[in-house]
Protein backbone atom coordinates (compact mmCIF):
# COMPACT_ATOMS: atom_id res chain seq x y z
CA LEU A 1 -3.26 61.62 -68.77
CA SER A 2 -7.32 61.47 -68.70
CA ASP A 3 -6.95 59.46 -72.46
CA PHE A 4 -4.69 56.55 -70.74
CA CYS A 5 -6.61 56.64 -67.31
CA LEU A 6 -9.52 55.59 -69.75
CA MET A 7 -7.77 53.12 -72.08
CA ALA A 8 -6.53 51.44 -68.36
CA GLN A 9 -10.84 50.39 -67.24
CA TYR A 10 -10.75 48.74 -70.64
CA PRO A 11 -12.17 44.79 -70.12
CA SER A 12 -9.27 43.35 -72.36
CA TYR A 13 -5.91 44.42 -74.68
CA THR A 14 -5.17 43.99 -78.08
CA GLN A 15 -0.65 45.05 -78.18
CA GLU A 16 -2.13 48.22 -80.56
CA THR A 17 -3.88 49.37 -77.31
CA VAL A 18 -0.70 49.22 -75.28
CA MET A 19 1.08 50.24 -77.37
CA TYR A 20 -1.41 53.44 -77.24
CA MET A 21 -1.26 53.72 -73.51
CA LYS A 22 2.29 54.09 -73.60
CA ASN A 23 2.15 56.80 -76.26
CA TYR A 24 0.11 58.65 -73.98
CA LEU A 25 1.88 57.86 -71.33
CA THR A 26 4.99 59.19 -72.89
CA LYS A 27 3.90 62.26 -73.24
CA PHE A 28 1.97 63.19 -70.70
CA HIS A 29 5.66 63.45 -68.68
CA GLU A 30 7.24 65.19 -72.36
CA TYR A 31 4.93 67.76 -71.95
CA SER A 32 3.97 68.43 -68.03
CA ASN A 33 6.48 70.74 -67.02
CA ARG A 34 7.17 68.96 -63.51
CA ALA A 35 8.54 72.19 -61.90
CA ALA A 36 6.11 74.19 -61.74
CA LEU A 37 3.51 70.94 -60.97
CA VAL A 38 5.95 70.12 -58.29
CA GLN A 39 5.72 74.13 -56.69
CA ASP A 40 2.64 74.02 -57.19
CA ILE A 41 1.35 71.16 -54.63
CA VAL A 42 4.29 71.63 -52.50
CA GLN A 43 2.62 76.04 -52.19
CA CYS A 44 -1.20 74.06 -51.83
CA ASN A 45 0.17 72.19 -48.55
CA SER A 46 -1.46 69.17 -50.78
CA SER A 47 -0.42 65.20 -50.05
CA PHE A 48 0.06 64.38 -54.10
CA ASN A 49 0.94 61.13 -54.24
CA PHE A 50 3.78 60.89 -56.72
CA PRO A 51 4.53 56.75 -56.27
CA LYS A 52 0.94 56.29 -57.13
CA LEU A 53 1.77 58.64 -60.69
CA HIS A 54 5.64 56.40 -61.25
CA LEU A 55 3.07 53.23 -60.78
CA LEU A 56 1.63 54.47 -64.09
CA SER A 57 4.00 53.79 -65.74
CA HIS A 58 4.65 50.13 -65.33
CA TYR A 59 1.68 49.50 -65.70
CA THR A 60 1.26 48.47 -69.11
CA GLU A 61 4.16 45.96 -68.09
CA GLN A 62 2.38 44.56 -66.09
CA VAL A 63 -1.27 44.07 -68.32
CA PHE A 64 1.40 41.50 -70.99
CA ARG A 65 2.33 40.24 -67.92
CA PHE A 66 -0.83 39.90 -65.83
CA GLY A 67 -3.62 40.26 -68.82
CA SER A 68 -6.47 42.91 -68.21
CA LEU A 69 -6.36 44.71 -64.59
CA PRO A 70 -9.72 44.94 -63.21
CA GLN A 71 -9.13 42.82 -60.99
CA CYS A 72 -6.68 45.46 -59.51
CA SER A 73 -9.07 47.84 -58.89
CA THR A 74 -10.47 48.73 -55.52
CA GLU A 75 -13.24 50.91 -56.60
CA ILE A 76 -16.02 48.11 -54.91
CA SER A 77 -14.35 47.21 -52.12
CA GLU A 78 -14.22 51.76 -51.04
CA ALA A 79 -18.16 50.97 -51.91
CA MET A 80 -18.47 48.50 -50.16
CA HIS A 81 -17.11 50.19 -47.68
CA LYS A 82 -19.32 53.44 -47.81
CA PRO A 83 -22.00 52.07 -45.24
CA LEU A 84 -19.87 51.25 -42.30
CA LYS A 85 -18.63 55.10 -43.41
CA ASP A 86 -22.32 56.65 -42.84
CA ALA A 87 -22.89 55.24 -40.43
CA TYR A 88 -19.90 55.38 -38.75
CA ARG A 89 -20.40 59.51 -38.87
CA ARG A 90 -23.93 59.14 -37.71
CA SER A 91 -22.29 57.76 -34.18
CA ASN A 92 -21.15 59.75 -31.77
CA LYS A 93 -17.51 58.80 -32.30
CA VAL A 94 -18.27 56.20 -28.57
CA ASP A 95 -18.20 52.75 -28.85
CA ALA A 96 -19.08 53.14 -32.04
CA THR A 97 -18.38 49.15 -33.16
CA GLU A 98 -21.89 48.53 -31.36
CA GLN A 99 -23.52 51.88 -32.56
CA ILE A 100 -22.22 51.19 -36.72
CA LEU A 101 -23.93 47.46 -36.60
CA ASP A 102 -26.57 48.65 -34.92
CA ILE A 103 -26.89 51.29 -38.12
CA TYR A 104 -26.31 48.83 -40.54
CA THR A 105 -28.92 46.39 -39.50
CA ARG A 106 -31.15 48.95 -39.63
CA THR A 107 -31.03 50.04 -42.87
CA HIS A 108 -30.19 46.62 -44.18
CA SER A 109 -33.41 44.93 -42.90
CA MET A 110 -35.17 48.16 -44.51
CA ALA A 111 -33.92 47.18 -47.51
CA MET A 112 -35.16 43.81 -47.25
CA LEU A 113 -38.19 45.08 -45.92
CA GLU A 114 -38.88 47.07 -49.06
CA LYS A 115 -38.01 44.04 -50.97
CA ASN A 116 -40.27 41.56 -50.15
CA LEU A 117 -42.90 43.95 -49.75
CA VAL A 118 -42.16 45.49 -54.28
CA ALA A 119 -42.18 41.21 -54.83
CA TRP A 120 -45.37 41.34 -52.51
């Protein structure tokens, strides 16, 4: 599955790379012991997401329809939320919006000041 995930990050695909991805996914499903996997997940009380695992089977079809799919990645938006999440954790959770904006404004202002000092 790691090979499939690495190839999914390619900026462009050929017929050959898409076939490799299909083969990697097929081998994963052939060799994975689903009964043991489900039993382990249930015993650990995990929130394993089976629909996401199923969606991988449609990935290669989407590549043929839409081309490379890095624009569907959520990594960038998740990275943009990190400062706000950190600010929420630092707040006292009472009237958190105002505190988050204060913290974000303060850190952003300090970063801009630092950049101006370095450029000067």
